[in-house]
Amino acid sequence: MQGRLVFRGNDDRRAAEVCGITDDDRRYTTADLASGDVTFAATDITSGAILQGVHLDGRVPVTHSLVLRAGRKEVRYIEAHHRFARRAPVDGN
């Protein structure tokens, strides 16, 4: 994977210079973008090849996430059931 900065205007260029970026045309590699003990997390909204999308179990939303941790060489699949607390009704008194 490679990436490069695309500036929308001079304000973006000045902001990049403040951060120490001097080469406007540099192509960044994976090692430039994310090196060391990297953690990557993804949660799918719609079902895809790797994760299921959000669905309801009764009235409880269920999400599926993937967490990759490079330093520990760890892969986790997480299924979360989001039981949102209901607020008590407000009476008019």
PDB file of N, CA and C in Angstrom:
ATOM      1  N   MET A   1       0.840  -1.167   0.000  1.00  0.00           N
ATOM      2  CA  MET A   1       0.000   0.000   0.000  1.00  0.00           C
ATOM      3  C   MET A   1       0.888   1.234   0.000  1.00  0.00           C
ATOM      4  N   GLN A   2       0.487   2.230  -0.747  1.00  0.00           N
ATOM      5  CA  GLN A   2       1.190   3.497  -0.785  1.00  0.00           C
ATOM      6  C   GLN A   2       0.182   4.630  -0.677  1.00  0.00           C
ATOM      7  N   GLY A   3       0.647   5.765  -0.254  1.00  0.00           N
ATOM      8  CA  GLY A   3      -0.221   6.931  -0.175  1.00  0.00           C
ATOM      9  C   GLY A   3       0.587   8.186  -0.351  1.00  0.00           C
ATOM     10  N   ARG A   4      -0.080   9.253  -0.720  1.00  0.00           N
ATOM     11  CA  ARG A   4       0.589  10.548  -0.789  1.00  0.00           C
ATOM     12  C   ARG A   4      -0.412  11.622  -0.409  1.00  0.00           C
ATOM     13  N   LEU A   5       0.105  12.750   0.006  1.00  0.00           N
ATOM     14  CA  LEU A   5      -0.744  13.857   0.424  1.00  0.00           C
ATOM     15  C   LEU A   5      -1.287  14.593  -0.796  1.00  0.00           C
ATOM     16  N   VAL A   6      -2.543  14.954  -0.725  1.00  0.00           N
ATOM     17  CA  VAL A   6      -3.166  15.779  -1.762  1.00  0.00           C
ATOM     18  C   VAL A   6      -3.662  17.035  -1.053  1.00  0.00           C
ATOM     19  N   PHE A   7      -3.093  18.145  -1.422  1.00  0.00           N
ATOM     20  CA  PHE A   7      -3.406  19.403  -0.763  1.00  0.00           C
ATOM     21  C   PHE A   7      -4.575  20.095  -1.462  1.00  0.00           C
ATOM     22  N   ARG A   8      -5.497  20.616  -0.653  1.00  0.00           N
ATOM     23  CA  ARG A   8      -6.641  21.347  -1.201  1.00  0.00           C
ATOM     24  C   ARG A   8      -6.286  22.795  -1.495  1.00  0.00           C
ATOM     25  N   GLY A   9      -5.208  23.249  -0.921  1.00  0.00           N
ATOM     26  CA  GLY A   9      -4.807  24.646  -1.128  1.00  0.00           C
ATOM     27  C   GLY A   9      -3.585  24.979  -0.299  1.00  0.00           C
ATOM     28  N   ASN A  10      -3.245  26.275  -0.281  1.00  0.00           N
ATOM     29  CA  ASN A  10      -2.043  26.718   0.432  1.00  0.00           C
ATOM     30  C   ASN A  10      -2.139  26.525   1.938  1.00  0.00           C
ATOM     31  N   ASP A  11      -3.347  26.599   2.495  1.00  0.00           N
ATOM     32  CA  ASP A  11      -3.496  26.371   3.940  1.00  0.00           C
ATOM     33  C   ASP A  11      -3.061  24.956   4.312  1.00  0.00           C
ATOM     34  N   ASP A  12      -3.433  23.973   3.474  1.00  0.00           N
ATOM     35  CA  ASP A  12      -3.014  22.589   3.721  1.00  0.00           C
ATOM     36  C   ASP A  12      -1.495  22.453   3.618  1.00  0.00           C
ATOM     37  N   ARG A  13      -0.901  23.127   2.623  1.00  0.00           N
ATOM     38  CA  ARG A  13       0.564  23.058   2.464  1.00  0.00           C
ATOM     39  C   ARG A  13       1.273  23.652   3.683  1.00  0.00           C
ATOM     40  N   ARG A  14       0.753  24.782   4.162  1.00  0.00           N
ATOM     41  CA  ARG A  14       1.360  25.408   5.349  1.00  0.00           C
ATOM     42  C   ARG A  14       1.214  24.508   6.577  1.00  0.00           C
ATOM     43  N   ALA A  15       0.061  23.875   6.720  1.00  0.00           N
ATOM     44  CA  ALA A  15      -0.142  22.964   7.863  1.00  0.00           C
ATOM     45  C   ALA A  15       0.833  21.789   7.783  1.00  0.00           C
ATOM     46  N   ALA A  16       1.066  21.284   6.588  1.00  0.00           N
ATOM     47  CA  ALA A  16       2.021  20.180   6.413  1.00  0.00           C
ATOM     48  C   ALA A  16       3.433  20.639   6.768  1.00  0.00           C
ATOM     49  N   GLU A  17       3.798  21.838   6.344  1.00  0.00           N
ATOM     50  CA  GLU A  17       5.132  22.359   6.665  1.00  0.00           C
ATOM     51  C   GLU A  17       5.319  22.491   8.175  1.00  0.00           C
ATOM     52  N   VAL A  18       4.277  22.933   8.876  1.00  0.00           N
ATOM     53  CA  VAL A  18       4.346  23.060  10.340  1.00  0.00           C
ATOM     54  C   VAL A  18       4.617  21.696  10.969  1.00  0.00           C
ATOM     55  N   CYS A  19       4.100  20.635  10.356  1.00  0.00           N
ATOM     56  CA  CYS A  19       4.309  19.270  10.865  1.00  0.00           C
ATOM     57  C   CYS A  19       5.646  18.683  10.411  1.00  0.00           C
ATOM     58  N   GLY A  20       6.431  19.454   9.655  1.00  0.00           N
ATOM     59  CA  GLY A  20       7.740  18.984   9.232  1.00  0.00           C
ATOM     60  C   GLY A  20       7.764  18.309   7.867  1.00  0.00           C
ATOM     61  N   ILE A  21       6.679  18.366   7.129  1.00  0.00           N
ATOM     62  CA  ILE A  21       6.625  17.747   5.802  1.00  0.00           C
ATOM     63  C   ILE A  21       7.143  18.753   4.792  1.00  0.00           C
ATOM     64  N   THR A  22       8.217  18.378   4.077  1.00  0.00           N
ATOM     65  CA  THR A  22       8.844  19.290   3.120  1.00  0.00           C
ATOM     66  C   THR A  22       8.735  18.809   1.681  1.00  0.00           C
ATOM     67  N   ASP A  23       8.480  17.534   1.471  1.00  0.00           N
ATOM     68  CA  ASP A  23       8.389  16.971   0.119  1.00  0.00           C
ATOM     69  C   ASP A  23       6.917  16.766  -0.238  1.00  0.00           C
ATOM     70  N   ASP A  24       6.378  17.663  -1.061  1.00  0.00           N
ATOM     71  CA  ASP A  24       4.960  17.612  -1.428  1.00  0.00           C
ATOM     72  C   ASP A  24       4.599  16.381  -2.264  1.00  0.00           C
ATOM     73  N   ASP A  25       5.571  15.806  -2.953  1.00  0.00           N
ATOM     74  CA  ASP A  25       5.305  14.694  -3.867  1.00  0.00           C
ATOM     75  C   ASP A  25       5.713  13.330  -3.311  1.00  0.00           C
ATOM     76  N   ARG A  26       6.102  13.279  -2.052  1.00  0.00           N
ATOM     77  CA  ARG A  26       6.578  12.009  -1.479  1.00  0.00           C
ATOM     78  C   ARG A  26       5.479  10.955  -1.487  1.00  0.00           C
ATOM     79  N   ARG A  27       5.867   9.742  -1.836  1.00  0.00           N
ATOM     80  CA  ARG A  27       4.970   8.582  -1.736  1.00  0.00           C
ATOM     81  C   ARG A  27       5.307   7.856  -0.447  1.00  0.00           C
ATOM     82  N   TYR A  28       4.316   7.705   0.395  1.00  0.00           N
ATOM     83  CA  TYR A  28       4.501   7.066   1.697  1.00  0.00           C
ATOM     84  C   TYR A  28       4.192   5.580   1.570  1.00  0.00           C
ATOM     85  N   THR A  29       5.051   4.749   2.160  1.00  0.00           N
ATOM     86  CA  THR A  29       4.852   3.296   2.147  1.00  0.00           C
ATOM     87  C   THR A  29       4.122   2.869   3.416  1.00  0.00           C
ATOM     88  N   THR A  30       3.793   1.610   3.486  1.00  0.00           N
ATOM     89  CA  THR A  30       3.144   1.070   4.678  1.00  0.00           C
ATOM     90  C   THR A  30       3.985   1.333   5.917  1.00  0.00           C
ATOM     91  N   ALA A  31       5.296   1.163   5.798  1.00  0.00           N
ATOM     92  CA  ALA A  31       6.185   1.391   6.945  1.00  0.00           C
ATOM     93  C   ALA A  31       6.165   2.853   7.380  1.00  0.00           C
ATOM     94  N   ASP A  32       6.012   3.780   6.420  1.00  0.00           N
ATOM     95  CA  ASP A  32       5.916   5.203   6.770  1.00  0.00           C
ATOM     96  C   ASP A  32       4.601   5.516   7.473  1.00  0.00           C
ATOM     97  N   LEU A  33       3.533   4.891   7.015  1.00  0.00           N
ATOM     98  CA  LEU A  33       2.197   5.202   7.519  1.00  0.00           C
ATOM     99  C   LEU A  33       1.896   4.558   8.861  1.00  0.00           C
ATOM    100  N   ALA A  34       2.380   3.325   9.044  1.00  0.00           N
ATOM    101  CA  ALA A  34       2.074   2.595  10.277  1.00  0.00           C
ATOM    102  C   ALA A  34       3.187   1.600  10.547  1.00  0.00           C
ATOM    103  N   SER A  35       4.058   1.941  11.491  1.00  0.00           N
ATOM    104  CA  SER A  35       5.140   1.019  11.841  1.00  0.00           C
ATOM    105  C   SER A  35       5.155   0.827  13.350  1.00  0.00           C
ATOM    106  N   GLY A  36       5.820  -0.211  13.782  1.00  0.00           N
ATOM    107  CA  GLY A  36       5.902  -0.487  15.209  1.00  0.00           C
ATOM    108  C   GLY A  36       4.729  -1.316  15.689  1.00  0.00           C
ATOM    109  N   ASP A  37       4.322  -1.092  16.917  1.00  0.00           N
ATOM    110  CA  ASP A  37       3.246  -1.862  17.539  1.00  0.00           C
ATOM    111  C   ASP A  37       1.898  -1.253  17.147  1.00  0.00           C
ATOM    112  N   VAL A  38       1.433  -1.604  15.960  1.00  0.00           N
ATOM    113  CA  VAL A  38       0.222  -1.022  15.388  1.00  0.00           C
ATOM    114  C   VAL A  38      -1.002  -1.827  15.813  1.00  0.00           C
ATOM    115  N   THR A  39      -2.080  -1.118  16.137  1.00  0.00           N
ATOM    116  CA  THR A  39      -3.379  -1.745  16.390  1.00  0.00           C
ATOM    117  C   THR A  39      -4.341  -1.239  15.330  1.00  0.00           C
ATOM    118  N   PHE A  40      -5.037  -2.167  14.690  1.00  0.00           N
ATOM    119  CA  PHE A  40      -6.026  -1.836  13.664  1.00  0.00           C
ATOM    120  C   PHE A  40      -7.357  -2.403  14.117  1.00  0.00           C
ATOM    121  N   ALA A  41      -8.417  -1.613  13.999  1.00  0.00           N
ATOM    122  CA  ALA A  41      -9.749  -2.080  14.374  1.00  0.00           C
ATOM    123  C   ALA A  41     -10.747  -1.699  13.292  1.00  0.00           C
ATOM    124  N   ALA A  42     -11.696  -2.596  13.030  1.00  0.00           N
ATOM    125  CA  ALA A  42     -12.742  -2.331  12.042  1.00  0.00           C
ATOM    126  C   ALA A  42     -14.053  -2.926  12.531  1.00  0.00           C
ATOM    127  N   THR A  43     -15.138  -2.191  12.321  1.00  0.00           N
ATOM    128  CA  THR A  43     -16.494  -2.672  12.591  1.00  0.00           C
ATOM    129  C   THR A  43     -17.291  -2.447  11.326  1.00  0.00           C
ATOM    130  N   ASP A  44     -17.945  -3.498  10.837  1.00  0.00           N
ATOM    131  CA  ASP A  44     -18.689  -3.399   9.585  1.00  0.00           C
ATOM    132  C   ASP A  44     -20.126  -2.977   9.858  1.00  0.00           C
ATOM    133  N   ILE A  45     -20.638  -2.102   9.038  1.00  0.00           N
ATOM    134  CA  ILE A  45     -22.039  -1.701   9.151  1.00  0.00           C
ATOM    135  C   ILE A  45     -22.904  -2.630   8.316  1.00  0.00           C
ATOM    136  N   THR A  46     -22.437  -2.917   7.100  1.00  0.00           N
ATOM    137  CA  THR A  46     -23.119  -3.881   6.241  1.00  0.00           C
ATOM    138  C   THR A  46     -22.253  -5.122   6.149  1.00  0.00           C
ATOM    139  N   SER A  47     -22.843  -6.269   5.951  1.00  0.00           N
ATOM    140  CA  SER A  47     -22.080  -7.513   5.907  1.00  0.00           C
ATOM    141  C   SER A  47     -21.117  -7.514   4.732  1.00  0.00           C
ATOM    142  N   GLY A  48     -19.925  -8.037   4.984  1.00  0.00           N
ATOM    143  CA  GLY A  48     -18.898  -8.127   3.960  1.00  0.00           C
ATOM    144  C   GLY A  48     -18.222  -9.474   4.009  1.00  0.00           C
ATOM    145  N   ALA A  49     -17.087  -9.591   3.361  1.00  0.00           N
ATOM    146  CA  ALA A  49     -16.366 -10.854   3.262  1.00  0.00           C
ATOM    147  C   ALA A  49     -15.771 -11.296   4.600  1.00  0.00           C
ATOM    148  N   ILE A  50     -15.453 -10.345   5.467  1.00  0.00           N
ATOM    149  CA  ILE A  50     -14.775 -10.684   6.722  1.00  0.00           C
ATOM    150  C   ILE A  50     -15.694 -10.569   7.932  1.00  0.00           C
ATOM    151  N   LEU A  51     -16.545  -9.555   7.953  1.00  0.00           N
ATOM    152  CA  LEU A  51     -17.379  -9.290   9.134  1.00  0.00           C
ATOM    153  C   LEU A  51     -18.852  -9.231   8.772  1.00  0.00           C
ATOM    154  N   GLN A  52     -19.666  -9.584   9.736  1.00  0.00           N
ATOM    155  CA  GLN A  52     -21.109  -9.405   9.595  1.00  0.00           C
ATOM    156  C   GLN A  52     -21.443  -7.942   9.877  1.00  0.00           C
ATOM    157  N   GLY A  53     -22.495  -7.466   9.255  1.00  0.00           N
ATOM    158  CA  GLY A  53     -22.940  -6.104   9.508  1.00  0.00           C
ATOM    159  C   GLY A  53     -23.755  -6.032  10.789  1.00  0.00           C
ATOM    160  N   VAL A  54     -24.173  -4.835  11.137  1.00  0.00           N
ATOM    161  CA  VAL A  54     -25.007  -4.612  12.315  1.00  0.00           C
ATOM    162  C   VAL A  54     -26.362  -5.270  12.089  1.00  0.00           C
ATOM    163  N   HIS A  55     -26.843  -5.989  13.098  1.00  0.00           N
ATOM    164  CA  HIS A  55     -28.185  -6.562  13.025  1.00  0.00           C
ATOM    165  C   HIS A  55     -28.828  -6.495  14.407  1.00  0.00           C
ATOM    166  N   LEU A  56     -30.106  -6.719  14.450  1.00  0.00           N
ATOM    167  CA  LEU A  56     -30.824  -6.680  15.726  1.00  0.00           C
ATOM    168  C   LEU A  56     -31.074  -8.086  16.238  1.00  0.00           C
ATOM    169  N   ASP A  57     -30.850  -8.262  17.532  1.00  0.00           N
ATOM    170  CA  ASP A  57     -31.213  -9.483  18.239  1.00  0.00           C
ATOM    171  C   ASP A  57     -32.383  -9.067  19.137  1.00  0.00           C
ATOM    172  N   GLY A  58     -33.593  -9.253  18.631  1.00  0.00           N
ATOM    173  CA  GLY A  58     -34.753  -8.679  19.309  1.00  0.00           C
ATOM    174  C   GLY A  58     -34.700  -7.178  19.100  1.00  0.00           C
ATOM    175  N   ARG A  59     -34.509  -6.435  20.190  1.00  0.00           N
ATOM    176  CA  ARG A  59     -34.382  -4.973  20.092  1.00  0.00           C
ATOM    177  C   ARG A  59     -32.959  -4.510  20.413  1.00  0.00           C
ATOM    178  N   VAL A  60     -32.028  -5.456  20.476  1.00  0.00           N
ATOM    179  CA  VAL A  60     -30.650  -5.142  20.859  1.00  0.00           C
ATOM    180  C   VAL A  60     -29.761  -5.150  19.613  1.00  0.00           C
ATOM    181  N   PRO A  61     -29.116  -4.018  19.288  1.00  0.00           N
ATOM    182  CA  PRO A  61     -28.187  -4.001  18.156  1.00  0.00           C
ATOM    183  C   PRO A  61     -26.949  -4.851  18.466  1.00  0.00           C
ATOM    184  N   VAL A  62     -26.503  -5.601  17.467  1.00  0.00           N
ATOM    185  CA  VAL A  62     -25.320  -6.448  17.606  1.00  0.00           C
ATOM    186  C   VAL A  62     -24.311  -6.029  16.536  1.00  0.00           C
ATOM    187  N   THR A  63     -23.059  -5.787  16.950  1.00  0.00           N
ATOM    188  CA  THR A  63     -22.001  -5.439  16.008  1.00  0.00           C
ATOM    189  C   THR A  63     -20.898  -6.484  16.052  1.00  0.00           C
ATOM    190  N   HIS A  64     -20.170  -6.563  14.954  1.00  0.00           N
ATOM    191  CA  HIS A  64     -19.036  -7.487  14.841  1.00  0.00           C
ATOM    192  C   HIS A  64     -17.813  -6.667  14.453  1.00  0.00           C
ATOM    193  N   SER A  65     -16.726  -6.856  15.193  1.00  0.00           N
ATOM    194  CA  SER A  65     -15.503  -6.089  14.960  1.00  0.00           C
ATOM    195  C   SER A  65     -14.311  -7.018  14.855  1.00  0.00           C
ATOM    196  N   LEU A  66     -13.285  -6.505  14.219  1.00  0.00           N
ATOM    197  CA  LEU A  66     -12.014  -7.204  14.062  1.00  0.00           C
ATOM    198  C   LEU A  66     -10.931  -6.293  14.621  1.00  0.00           C
ATOM    199  N   VAL A  67     -10.060  -6.830  15.482  1.00  0.00           N
ATOM    200  CA  VAL A  67      -8.946  -6.069  16.035  1.00  0.00           C
ATOM    201  C   VAL A  67      -7.666  -6.842  15.758  1.00  0.00           C
ATOM    202  N   LEU A  68      -6.715  -6.177  15.105  1.00  0.00           N
ATOM    203  CA  LEU A  68      -5.411  -6.778  14.807  1.00  0.00           C
ATOM    204  C   LEU A  68      -4.354  -6.013  15.581  1.00  0.00           C
ATOM    205  N   ARG A  69      -3.477  -6.753  16.280  1.00  0.00           N
ATOM    206  CA  ARG A  69      -2.395  -6.111  17.025  1.00  0.00           C
ATOM    207  C   ARG A  69      -1.085  -6.685  16.526  1.00  0.00           C
ATOM    208  N   ALA A  70      -0.303  -5.850  15.853  1.00  0.00           N
ATOM    209  CA  ALA A  70       0.925  -6.306  15.198  1.00  0.00           C
ATOM    210  C   ALA A  70       1.959  -6.809  16.196  1.00  0.00           C
ATOM    211  N   GLY A  71       2.176  -6.055  17.258  1.00  0.00           N
ATOM    212  CA  GLY A  71       3.223  -6.414  18.219  1.00  0.00           C
ATOM    213  C   GLY A  71       3.005  -7.768  18.862  1.00  0.00           C
ATOM    214  N   ARG A  72       1.758  -8.095  19.141  1.00  0.00           N
ATOM    215  CA  ARG A  72       1.435  -9.379  19.779  1.00  0.00           C
ATOM    216  C   ARG A  72       1.041 -10.447  18.774  1.00  0.00           C
ATOM    217  N   LYS A  73       0.999 -10.072  17.484  1.00  0.00           N
ATOM    218  CA  LYS A  73       0.547 -10.985  16.432  1.00  0.00           C
ATOM    219  C   LYS A  73      -0.798 -11.599  16.825  1.00  0.00           C
ATOM    220  N   GLU A  74      -1.715 -10.723  17.169  1.00  0.00           N
ATOM    221  CA  GLU A  74      -3.000 -11.121  17.732  1.00  0.00           C
ATOM    222  C   GLU A  74      -4.139 -10.689  16.814  1.00  0.00           C
ATOM    223  N   VAL A  75      -5.097 -11.568  16.629  1.00  0.00           N
ATOM    224  CA  VAL A  75      -6.310 -11.269  15.870  1.00  0.00           C
ATOM    225  C   VAL A  75      -7.490 -11.566  16.777  1.00  0.00           C
ATOM    226  N   ARG A  76      -8.393 -10.597  16.934  1.00  0.00           N
ATOM    227  CA  ARG A  76      -9.583 -10.805  17.764  1.00  0.00           C
ATOM    228  C   ARG A  76     -10.828 -10.470  16.955  1.00  0.00           C
ATOM    229  N   TYR A  77     -11.805 -11.326  17.068  1.00  0.00           N
ATOM    230  CA  TYR A  77     -13.132 -11.058  16.537  1.00  0.00           C
ATOM    231  C   TYR A  77     -14.024 -10.768  17.734  1.00  0.00           C
ATOM    232  N   ILE A  78     -14.726  -9.668  17.706  1.00  0.00           N
ATOM    233  CA  ILE A  78     -15.546  -9.252  18.840  1.00  0.00           C
ATOM    234  C   ILE A  78     -16.998  -9.122  18.396  1.00  0.00           C
ATOM    235  N   GLU A  79     -17.881  -9.777  19.134  1.00  0.00           N
ATOM    236  CA  GLU A  79     -19.320  -9.611  18.935  1.00  0.00           C
ATOM    237  C   GLU A  79     -19.839  -8.845  20.137  1.00  0.00           C
ATOM    238  N   ALA A  80     -20.423  -7.686  19.900  1.00  0.00           N
ATOM    239  CA  ALA A  80     -20.890  -6.843  21.001  1.00  0.00           C
ATOM    240  C   ALA A  80     -22.398  -6.661  20.917  1.00  0.00           C
ATOM    241  N   HIS A  81     -23.065  -6.821  22.051  1.00  0.00           N
ATOM    242  CA  HIS A  81     -24.504  -6.600  22.169  1.00  0.00           C
ATOM    243  C   HIS A  81     -24.687  -5.286  22.925  1.00  0.00           C
ATOM    244  N   HIS A  82     -25.275  -4.310  22.264  1.00  0.00           N
ATOM    245  CA  HIS A  82     -25.379  -2.947  22.802  1.00  0.00           C
ATOM    246  C   HIS A  82     -26.736  -2.759  23.469  1.00  0.00           C
ATOM    247  N   ARG A  83     -26.752  -2.943  24.776  1.00  0.00           N
ATOM    248  CA  ARG A  83     -27.980  -2.779  25.544  1.00  0.00           C
ATOM    249  C   ARG A  83     -28.023  -1.345  26.062  1.00  0.00           C
ATOM    250  N   PHE A  84     -28.569  -0.475  25.243  1.00  0.00           N
ATOM    251  CA  PHE A  84     -28.635   0.934  25.599  1.00  0.00           C
ATOM    252  C   PHE A  84     -29.647   1.124  26.730  1.00  0.00           C
ATOM    253  N   ALA A  85     -29.221   1.846  27.745  1.00  0.00           N
ATOM    254  CA  ALA A  85     -30.107   2.101  28.891  1.00  0.00           C
ATOM    255  C   ALA A  85     -31.273   2.978  28.436  1.00  0.00           C
ATOM    256  N   ARG A  86     -32.419   2.647  28.915  1.00  0.00           N
ATOM    257  CA  ARG A  86     -33.602   3.450  28.613  1.00  0.00           C
ATOM    258  C   ARG A  86     -33.779   4.499  29.688  1.00  0.00           C
ATOM    259  N   ARG A  87     -34.107   5.699  29.270  1.00  0.00           N
ATOM    260  CA  ARG A  87     -34.352   6.770  30.226  1.00  0.00           C
ATOM    261  C   ARG A  87     -35.760   6.655  30.756  1.00  0.00           C
ATOM    262  N   ALA A  88     -35.893   6.992  32.018  1.00  0.00           N
ATOM    263  CA  ALA A  88     -37.226   6.985  32.625  1.00  0.00           C
ATOM    264  C   ALA A  88     -38.029   8.127  32.000  1.00  0.00           C
ATOM    265  N   PRO A  89     -39.320   7.891  31.779  1.00  0.00           N
ATOM    266  CA  PRO A  89     -40.134   8.981  31.197  1.00  0.00           C
ATOM    267  C   PRO A  89     -40.179  10.178  32.127  1.00  0.00           C
ATOM    268  N   VAL A  90     -40.194  11.339  31.544  1.00  0.00           N
ATOM    269  CA  VAL A  90     -40.262  12.576  32.321  1.00  0.00           C
ATOM    270  C   VAL A  90     -41.734  12.919  32.504  1.00  0.00           C
ATOM    271  N   ASP A  91     -42.154  13.022  33.777  1.00  0.00           N
ATOM    272  CA  ASP A  91     -43.553  13.419  33.988  1.00  0.00           C
ATOM    273  C   ASP A  91     -43.628  14.951  34.013  1.00  0.00           C
ATOM    274  N   GLY A  92     -44.777  15.486  33.789  1.00  0.00           N
ATOM    275  CA  GLY A  92     -44.965  16.912  33.642  1.00  0.00           C
ATOM    276  C   GLY A  92     -44.916  17.700  34.930  1.00  0.00           C
ATOM    277  N   ASN A  93     -44.566  17.088  36.072  1.00  0.00           N
ATOM    278  CA  ASN A  93     -44.613  17.808  37.348  1.00  0.00           C
ATOM    279  C   ASN A  93     -43.351  18.555  37.612  1.00  0.00           C
TER     280      ASN A  93
END
